[in-house]
Amino acid sequence: MSEVTVLVVHGFTGSPQSFELQIASFERQGYEVIAPTLPGHDSSPEELAELRYDDFYRSLHARYHELSDRSNLFVMGLSMGGTLLCDLLTKHHEPAGAILVNPLVVPPHESYIAVVEEMLEGGTVFVPGIGSDIKRTDRSERAYDRTPLAPARSLFRATELLQGRLGDITTKTLLFSSREDHVVPVESGELLAQVCGDLVDRRVLEDSYHVATLDFDAERISEESIEFIETLKL
């Protein structure tokens, strides 16, 4: 039996630390975990401000290409990490399975995007951070305290384009959706489940906010992800 590899992808302005509990569980299970830091992340908001969605995607694609010949390759993403993986999965069907936690596949409302564009035109570079949307108070996400608007707008554009291609995904997917999420619209999980149908096993999280991987449902995500992987691995 081939070794299981899990490629883990964090969210916008965050870091692999958001998956620290799942990574520990996977490694105890004997899985190899690859958790790259996306360009401009876990460094400085100023560095991130100079980058765009395509920079994140190219970096992820290069890492994925190095692993794509592995028979028991699974991918896991949170928030923008889920966006990037959905984008990847519309073009590559090699992974044995995908695990998505509150992925962004529905862009913000047009009125919100219009405000972002107006702020960019007015010279605003940063707005307050979006990290650590966690219900429990004893954990926090290592994320920037400022969100750069230009790369955020590029993410929204990419999400708009991705919506029309979600039906190209053929990978079995375990989808975790928080009932209350202050970062990603709940419609994202609904759309993905609707478009991909039986390929998606959607689980609703009742006791976590956006960064559910560090929240009250973190252990559940770890356990059910391992069950999912064990069912699908060769």
Protein backbone atom coordinates (compact mmCIF):
# COMPACT_ATOMS: atom_id res chain seq x y z
CA MET A 1 0.00 0.00 0.00
CA SER A 2 1.37 3.41 -0.99
CA GLU A 3 2.05 6.05 1.61
CA VAL A 4 -0.59 8.73 2.02
CA THR A 5 0.46 12.30 1.23
CA VAL A 6 -1.69 15.29 2.20
CA LEU A 7 -1.03 18.65 0.56
CA VAL A 8 -2.41 21.32 2.92
CA VAL A 9 -3.13 24.88 1.72
CA HIS A 10 -3.82 27.78 4.10
CA GLY A 11 -5.98 30.85 3.56
CA PHE A 12 -5.44 34.48 2.57
CA THR A 13 -3.20 36.41 5.02
CA GLY A 14 -2.80 33.21 7.07
CA SER A 15 -0.19 30.48 7.36
CA PRO A 16 0.11 26.69 7.73
CA GLN A 17 -0.34 27.22 11.48
CA SER A 18 -4.09 27.27 10.86
CA PHE A 19 -3.81 23.51 10.22
CA GLU A 20 -1.46 22.67 13.09
CA LEU A 21 -3.98 20.40 14.83
CA GLN A 22 -4.87 18.47 11.67
CA ILE A 23 -1.21 18.18 10.64
CA ALA A 24 -0.38 16.66 14.02
CA SER A 25 -3.26 14.17 13.67
CA PHE A 26 -2.24 13.23 10.14
CA GLU A 27 1.37 12.69 11.14
CA ARG A 28 0.32 10.46 14.04
CA GLN A 29 -1.62 8.45 11.47
CA GLY A 30 1.60 8.01 9.47
CA TYR A 31 0.69 10.39 6.64
CA GLU A 32 3.26 12.61 4.99
CA VAL A 33 2.05 16.21 5.20
CA ILE A 34 3.20 18.93 2.80
CA ALA A 35 2.15 22.37 4.06
CA PRO A 36 3.71 25.11 1.92
CA THR A 37 3.54 28.77 2.81
CA LEU A 38 2.01 30.71 -0.07
CA PRO A 39 4.02 33.65 -1.49
CA GLY A 40 3.82 36.80 0.59
CA HIS A 41 2.39 34.98 3.60
CA ASP A 42 3.94 34.56 7.03
CA SER A 43 6.37 37.37 6.11
CA SER A 44 4.85 40.89 5.96
CA PRO A 45 1.63 42.53 4.77
CA GLU A 46 3.72 44.82 2.59
CA GLU A 47 5.19 41.86 0.71
CA LEU A 48 1.75 40.33 0.25
CA ALA A 49 0.38 43.63 -1.07
CA GLU A 50 2.66 43.33 -4.11
CA LEU A 51 1.32 39.91 -5.10
CA ARG A 52 -1.84 38.64 -6.78
CA TYR A 53 -3.93 35.49 -6.98
CA ASP A 54 -1.97 34.19 -9.97
CA ASP A 55 1.20 34.27 -7.88
CA PHE A 56 -0.43 32.06 -5.27
CA TYR A 57 -1.82 29.69 -7.88
CA ARG A 58 1.49 29.30 -9.73
CA SER A 59 3.28 28.51 -6.48
CA LEU A 60 0.69 25.91 -5.48
CA HIS A 61 0.61 24.37 -8.95
CA ALA A 62 4.39 23.95 -8.94
CA ARG A 63 4.25 22.16 -5.58
CA TYR A 64 1.34 20.03 -6.72
CA HIS A 65 3.19 19.04 -9.90
CA GLU A 66 6.01 17.63 -7.77
CA LEU A 67 3.50 15.34 -6.03
CA SER A 68 1.01 14.55 -8.79
CA ASP A 69 2.35 11.06 -9.55
CA ARG A 70 1.62 9.82 -6.01
CA SER A 71 -1.31 7.39 -5.95
CA ASN A 72 -2.50 8.34 -2.48
CA LEU A 73 -2.33 12.11 -2.79
CA PHE A 74 -5.01 14.05 -0.93
CA VAL A 75 -5.41 17.83 -0.86
CA MET A 76 -6.86 19.99 1.91
CA GLY A 77 -7.59 23.69 1.90
CA LEU A 78 -9.06 26.40 4.10
CA SER A 79 -10.74 29.54 2.71
CA MET A 80 -8.58 30.82 -0.19
CA GLY A 81 -6.69 27.54 0.08
CA GLY A 82 -9.97 25.93 -0.91
CA THR A 83 -10.37 28.38 -3.78
CA LEU A 84 -6.92 27.52 -5.09
CA LEU A 85 -7.57 23.80 -4.79
CA CYS A 86 -10.94 24.02 -6.55
CA ASP A 87 -9.20 25.93 -9.32
CA LEU A 88 -6.54 23.21 -9.48
CA LEU A 89 -9.10 20.39 -9.42
CA THR A 90 -10.96 21.79 -12.43
CA LYS A 91 -7.82 21.07 -14.46
CA HIS A 92 -6.18 18.14 -12.66
CA HIS A 93 -8.03 15.02 -11.57
CA GLU A 94 -5.19 12.99 -10.04
CA PRO A 95 -5.83 13.51 -6.29
CA ALA A 96 -7.46 10.59 -4.51
CA GLY A 97 -9.65 13.04 -2.60
CA ALA A 98 -10.06 16.64 -1.48
CA ILE A 99 -10.95 18.09 1.92
CA LEU A 100 -12.22 21.67 1.94
CA VAL A 101 -12.97 23.84 4.97
CA ASN A 102 -15.07 26.94 4.31
CA PRO A 103 -13.69 27.43 0.78
CA LEU A 104 -14.36 30.70 -1.02
CA VAL A 105 -16.14 29.90 -4.30
CA VAL A 106 -18.76 32.64 -4.21
CA PRO A 107 -17.27 36.15 -4.41
CA PRO A 108 -18.52 38.94 -2.15
CA HIS A 109 -21.55 40.93 -3.26
CA GLU A 110 -20.96 43.36 -6.12
CA SER A 111 -21.61 46.32 -3.81
CA TYR A 112 -18.77 45.17 -1.52
CA ILE A 113 -16.39 44.71 -4.46
CA ALA A 114 -17.34 48.20 -5.68
CA VAL A 115 -16.33 49.62 -2.29
CA VAL A 116 -13.01 47.77 -2.44
CA GLU A 117 -12.32 49.14 -5.92
CA GLU A 118 -13.23 52.67 -4.80
CA MET A 119 -10.85 52.38 -1.86
CA LEU A 120 -8.06 51.13 -4.14
CA GLU A 121 -8.63 54.03 -6.53
CA GLY A 122 -8.47 56.38 -3.54
CA GLY A 123 -5.07 55.03 -2.54
CA THR A 124 -6.05 52.75 0.34
CA VAL A 125 -3.62 49.84 0.55
CA PHE A 126 -4.73 48.03 3.72
CA VAL A 127 -7.87 47.43 5.75
CA PRO A 128 -8.13 45.67 9.14
CA GLY A 129 -7.17 41.99 9.18
CA ILE A 130 -9.60 39.12 8.61
CA GLY A 131 -7.68 36.47 10.56
CA SER A 132 -8.66 34.56 13.70
CA ASP A 133 -12.40 34.33 13.04
CA ILE A 134 -12.58 31.69 15.78
CA LYS A 135 -15.38 31.11 18.26
CA ARG A 136 -13.25 29.77 21.09
CA THR A 137 -11.17 32.36 22.90
CA ASP A 138 -8.14 30.28 23.83
CA ARG A 139 -6.85 29.84 20.28
CA SER A 140 -5.78 32.27 17.60
CA GLU A 141 -4.66 32.11 14.00
CA ARG A 142 -1.24 33.40 12.98
CA ALA A 143 -2.39 35.89 10.38
CA TYR A 144 -1.71 39.48 9.38
CA ASP A 145 -3.40 42.25 11.31
CA ARG A 146 -3.89 44.10 8.01
CA THR A 147 -5.45 42.87 4.78
CA PRO A 148 -3.97 44.24 1.53
CA LEU A 149 -6.79 45.20 -0.83
CA ALA A 150 -5.13 44.63 -4.22
CA PRO A 151 -4.47 40.90 -3.81
CA ALA A 152 -7.90 40.53 -2.18
CA ARG A 153 -9.51 42.06 -5.26
CA SER A 154 -7.54 39.67 -7.49
CA LEU A 155 -8.89 36.78 -5.39
CA PHE A 156 -12.45 37.99 -5.91
CA ARG A 157 -11.88 38.18 -9.69
CA ALA A 158 -10.45 34.67 -9.74
CA THR A 159 -13.44 33.41 -7.76
CA GLU A 160 -15.83 34.99 -10.25
CA LEU A 161 -14.10 33.10 -13.08
CA LEU A 162 -13.92 29.86 -11.10
CA GLN A 163 -17.67 29.67 -10.52
CA GLY A 164 -18.35 28.66 -14.10
CA ARG A 165 -15.81 25.84 -13.97
CA LEU A 166 -16.77 24.13 -10.71
CA GLY A 167 -18.65 21.49 -12.68
CA ASP A 168 -15.32 20.30 -14.11
CA ILE A 169 -14.27 18.94 -10.71
CA THR A 170 -14.30 15.13 -10.66
CA THR A 171 -12.54 14.54 -7.33
CA LYS A 172 -14.43 13.13 -4.36
CA THR A 173 -14.61 15.91 -1.80
CA LEU A 174 -15.26 16.18 1.91
CA LEU A 175 -16.63 19.66 2.57
CA PHE A 176 -16.83 21.26 6.02
CA SER A 177 -19.07 24.33 6.24
CA SER A 178 -19.45 26.44 9.36
CA ARG A 179 -23.01 27.45 10.10
CA GLU A 180 -21.72 30.89 11.16
CA ASP A 181 -18.85 32.32 9.11
CA HIS A 182 -17.83 35.98 9.23
CA VAL A 183 -15.36 35.79 6.33
CA VAL A 184 -16.75 33.58 3.55
CA PRO A 185 -20.42 33.65 2.43
CA VAL A 186 -22.27 30.47 3.44
CA GLU A 187 -23.47 30.33 -0.18
CA SER A 188 -20.00 29.09 -1.14
CA GLY A 189 -20.52 25.67 0.43
CA GLU A 190 -24.07 25.51 -0.89
CA LEU A 191 -22.97 26.24 -4.45
CA LEU A 192 -20.13 23.72 -4.41
CA ALA A 193 -22.38 20.98 -3.08
CA GLN A 194 -25.08 21.83 -5.62
CA VAL A 195 -22.81 21.92 -8.66
CA CYS A 196 -20.70 18.86 -7.80
CA GLY A 197 -23.58 16.78 -6.50
CA ASP A 198 -22.74 13.32 -5.18
CA LEU A 199 -19.01 14.02 -5.40
CA VAL A 200 -19.33 16.27 -2.36
CA ASP A 201 -20.01 15.03 1.15
CA ARG A 202 -20.95 18.20 3.00
CA ARG A 203 -20.71 18.33 6.79
CA VAL A 204 -22.10 21.36 8.65
CA LEU A 205 -20.14 22.64 11.65
CA GLU A 206 -22.38 24.06 14.36
CA ASP A 207 -19.75 25.25 16.84
CA SER A 208 -17.05 26.99 14.79
CA TYR A 209 -16.53 30.19 12.84
CA HIS A 210 -14.42 30.58 9.68
CA VAL A 211 -11.11 29.16 10.92
CA ALA A 212 -12.81 25.93 11.96
CA THR A 213 -9.52 24.04 11.87
CA LEU A 214 -8.55 25.80 15.12
CA ASP A 215 -12.03 26.10 16.58
CA PHE A 216 -14.32 23.86 18.64
CA ASP A 217 -14.77 21.48 15.69
CA ALA A 218 -11.04 21.05 15.03
CA GLU A 219 -10.88 17.53 16.44
CA ARG A 220 -13.95 16.52 14.48
CA ILE A 221 -12.36 17.82 11.27
CA SER A 222 -9.21 15.80 11.99
CA GLU A 223 -11.09 12.60 12.77
CA GLU A 224 -13.53 12.77 9.88
CA SER A 225 -10.76 13.73 7.46
CA ILE A 226 -8.80 10.65 8.47
CA GLU A 227 -11.90 8.48 8.02
CA PHE A 228 -12.38 9.99 4.55
CA ILE A 229 -8.77 9.35 3.59
CA GLU A 230 -8.79 5.79 4.93
CA THR A 231 -11.91 5.03 2.89
CA LEU A 232 -10.44 6.30 -0.38
CA LYS A 233 -6.75 5.42 -0.19
CA LEU A 234 -5.44 2.63 -2.39
